[in-house]
C-alpha atoms as a PDB file:
ATOM      1  CA  ALA A   1     -91.817 -60.313 -33.443  1.00  0.00           C
ATOM      2  CA  SER A   2     -92.591 -56.644 -33.351  1.00  0.00           C
ATOM      3  CA  ASP A   3     -94.149 -54.863 -36.291  1.00  0.00           C
ATOM      4  CA  TRP A   4     -91.436 -53.512 -38.556  1.00  0.00           C
ATOM      5  CA  SER A   5     -92.604 -50.539 -40.565  1.00  0.00           C
ATOM      6  CA  SER A   6     -89.501 -48.344 -40.557  1.00  0.00           C
ATOM      7  CA  ASP A   7     -87.838 -47.566 -43.866  1.00  0.00           C
ATOM      8  CA  VAL A   8     -84.441 -48.324 -42.303  1.00  0.00           C
ATOM      9  CA  CYS A   9     -84.485 -52.030 -43.125  1.00  0.00           C
ATOM     10  CA  SER A  10     -87.255 -52.166 -45.663  1.00  0.00           C
ATOM     11  CA  SER A  11     -84.898 -50.135 -47.832  1.00  0.00           C
ATOM     12  CA  ASP A  12     -81.912 -51.651 -49.589  1.00  0.00           C
ATOM     13  CA  LEU A  13     -79.714 -50.816 -46.608  1.00  0.00           C
ATOM     14  CA  CYS A  14     -80.272 -54.076 -44.697  1.00  0.00           C
ATOM     15  CA  VAL A  15     -81.854 -56.394 -47.252  1.00  0.00           C
ATOM     16  CA  ALA A  16     -78.893 -56.082 -49.597  1.00  0.00           C
ATOM     17  CA  CYS A  17     -76.931 -58.281 -47.181  1.00  0.00           C
ATOM     18  CA  HIS A  18     -79.382 -59.826 -44.699  1.00  0.00           C
ATOM     19  CA  VAL A  19     -82.647 -61.694 -44.650  1.00  0.00           C
ATOM     20  CA  VAL A  20     -84.527 -59.360 -42.299  1.00  0.00           C
ATOM     21  CA  SER A  21     -87.786 -61.334 -42.052  1.00  0.00           C
ATOM     22  CA  ASP A  22     -89.432 -64.523 -43.224  1.00  0.00           C
ATOM     23  CA  ALA A  23     -91.668 -62.389 -45.451  1.00  0.00           C
ATOM     24  CA  GLN A  24     -88.719 -60.854 -47.335  1.00  0.00           C
ATOM     25  CA  THR A  25     -89.189 -61.268 -51.082  1.00  0.00           C
ATOM     26  CA  VAL A  26     -85.868 -59.738 -52.168  1.00  0.00           C
ATOM     27  CA  LYS A  27     -82.868 -62.048 -51.940  1.00  0.00           C
ATOM     28  CA  PRO A  28     -79.693 -60.521 -50.441  1.00  0.00           C
ATOM     29  CA  VAL A  29     -77.094 -59.788 -53.109  1.00  0.00           C
ATOM     30  CA  LEU A  30     -74.034 -60.143 -50.873  1.00  0.00           C
ATOM     31  CA  GLY A  31     -72.913 -63.285 -49.116  1.00  0.00           C
ATOM     32  CA  PRO A  32     -72.923 -66.210 -48.598  1.00  0.00           C
ATOM     33  CA  GLY A  33     -72.258 -66.419 -44.908  1.00  0.00           C
ATOM     34  CA  ILE A  34     -73.961 -63.190 -43.913  1.00  0.00           C
ATOM     35  CA  PRO A  35     -76.357 -64.067 -41.086  1.00  0.00           C
ATOM     36  CA  SER A  36     -80.073 -63.395 -41.171  1.00  0.00           C
ATOM     37  CA  PHE A  37     -81.515 -61.127 -38.494  1.00  0.00           C
ATOM     38  CA  LYS A  38     -83.007 -64.253 -36.866  1.00  0.00           C
ATOM     39  CA  ASP A  39     -79.540 -65.847 -36.746  1.00  0.00           C
ATOM     40  CA  ILE A  40     -78.072 -62.688 -35.210  1.00  0.00           C
ATOM     41  CA  ALA A  41     -80.815 -62.628 -32.544  1.00  0.00           C
ATOM     42  CA  ALA A  42     -80.082 -66.277 -31.687  1.00  0.00           C
ATOM     43  CA  ARG A  43     -76.388 -65.706 -30.980  1.00  0.00           C
ATOM     44  CA  PRO A  44     -75.410 -66.394 -27.378  1.00  0.00           C
ATOM     45  CA  GLY A  45     -75.098 -63.117 -25.503  1.00  0.00           C
ATOM     46  CA  ALA A  46     -76.841 -61.050 -28.182  1.00  0.00           C
ATOM     47  CA  SER A  47     -78.254 -57.810 -26.788  1.00  0.00           C
ATOM     48  CA  ALA A  48     -79.753 -54.652 -28.222  1.00  0.00           C
ATOM     49  CA  GLU A  49     -76.920 -52.602 -26.717  1.00  0.00           C
ATOM     50  CA  GLY A  50     -74.248 -54.869 -28.182  1.00  0.00           C
ATOM     51  CA  LEU A  51     -75.878 -54.802 -31.601  1.00  0.00           C
ATOM     52  CA  GLN A  52     -76.080 -51.010 -31.582  1.00  0.00           C
ATOM     53  CA  ALA A  53     -72.395 -50.736 -30.706  1.00  0.00           C
ATOM     54  CA  SER A  54     -71.484 -53.263 -33.373  1.00  0.00           C
ATOM     55  CA  MET A  55     -73.524 -51.438 -36.016  1.00  0.00           C
ATOM     56  CA  LYS A  56     -71.508 -48.270 -35.363  1.00  0.00           C
ATOM     57  CA  ASP A  57     -68.063 -49.673 -36.090  1.00  0.00           C
ATOM     58  CA  LYS A  58     -68.396 -53.047 -37.851  1.00  0.00           C
ATOM     59  CA  ARG A  59     -66.229 -53.377 -40.947  1.00  0.00           C
ATOM     60  CA  TRP A  60     -66.381 -55.656 -43.994  1.00  0.00           C
ATOM     61  CA  HIS A  61     -64.680 -58.890 -43.053  1.00  0.00           C
ATOM     62  CA  ASP A  62     -64.254 -60.253 -46.565  1.00  0.00           C
ATOM     63  CA  PRO A  63     -60.526 -60.161 -47.408  1.00  0.00           C
ATOM     64  CA  GLY A  64     -61.395 -59.256 -50.995  1.00  0.00           C
ATOM     65  CA  MET A  65     -63.103 -56.027 -49.946  1.00  0.00           C
ATOM     66  CA  THR A  66     -61.571 -52.824 -48.672  1.00  0.00           C
ATOM     67  CA  GLN A  67     -61.736 -52.315 -44.934  1.00  0.00           C
ATOM     68  CA  THR A  68     -64.668 -49.944 -44.818  1.00  0.00           C
ATOM     69  CA  LEU A  69     -67.488 -49.438 -42.374  1.00  0.00           C
ATOM     70  CA  LEU A  70     -70.697 -51.309 -43.106  1.00  0.00           C
ATOM     71  CA  PRO A  71     -73.683 -49.247 -44.358  1.00  0.00           C
ATOM     72  CA  MET A  72     -75.422 -49.428 -40.975  1.00  0.00           C
ATOM     73  CA  SER A  73     -72.698 -47.194 -39.527  1.00  0.00           C
ATOM     74  CA  ARG A  74     -74.297 -44.310 -41.459  1.00  0.00           C
ATOM     75  CA  ILE A  75     -77.758 -44.538 -39.879  1.00  0.00           C
ATOM     76  CA  SER A  76     -78.680 -42.470 -36.825  1.00  0.00           C
ATOM     77  CA  ASP A  77     -78.422 -43.726 -33.240  1.00  0.00           C
ATOM     78  CA  ARG A  78     -82.237 -43.752 -33.101  1.00  0.00           C
ATOM     79  CA  GLU A  79     -82.431 -45.903 -36.235  1.00  0.00           C
ATOM     80  CA  ARG A  80     -79.741 -48.251 -34.895  1.00  0.00           C
ATOM     81  CA  ALA A  81     -81.780 -48.638 -31.696  1.00  0.00           C
ATOM     82  CA  GLN A  82     -84.882 -49.462 -33.769  1.00  0.00           C
ATOM     83  CA  VAL A  83     -83.020 -52.033 -35.858  1.00  0.00           C
ATOM     84  CA  ALA A  84     -81.465 -53.610 -32.760  1.00  0.00           C
ATOM     85  CA  ALA A  85     -84.871 -53.788 -31.035  1.00  0.00           C
ATOM     86  CA  TYR A  86     -86.356 -55.419 -34.125  1.00  0.00           C
ATOM     87  CA  ILE A  87     -83.544 -57.961 -34.354  1.00  0.00           C
ATOM     88  CA  MET A  88     -83.901 -58.843 -30.671  1.00  0.00           C
ATOM     89  CA  SER A  89     -87.674 -59.250 -31.126  1.00  0.00           C
ATOM     90  CA  LEU A  90     -86.840 -62.191 -33.411  1.00  0.00           C
ATOM     91  CA  LYS A  91     -85.111 -64.094 -30.600  1.00  0.00           C
ATOM     92  CA  GLN A  92     -86.909 -67.351 -29.903  1.00  0.00           C
END
């Protein structure tokens, strides 16, 4: 996997919901059922481009929550590209 030093996912933005690496010490507070970055990378057909598009317009899918965009919709296109590249680097 590539070296991940960006503040994008080392901040609470990603780790609040996802396990972003095996070295993560903070447990996600939302879930269960929210996939780890490794699980996302392993999905059939997963691609950096598809992940970036999904990050722009994905909404909460829990019926108990208001239909609102996920936090990753607020990061820049450059940051989304970095996150997507990192996720895809986890593909085995």
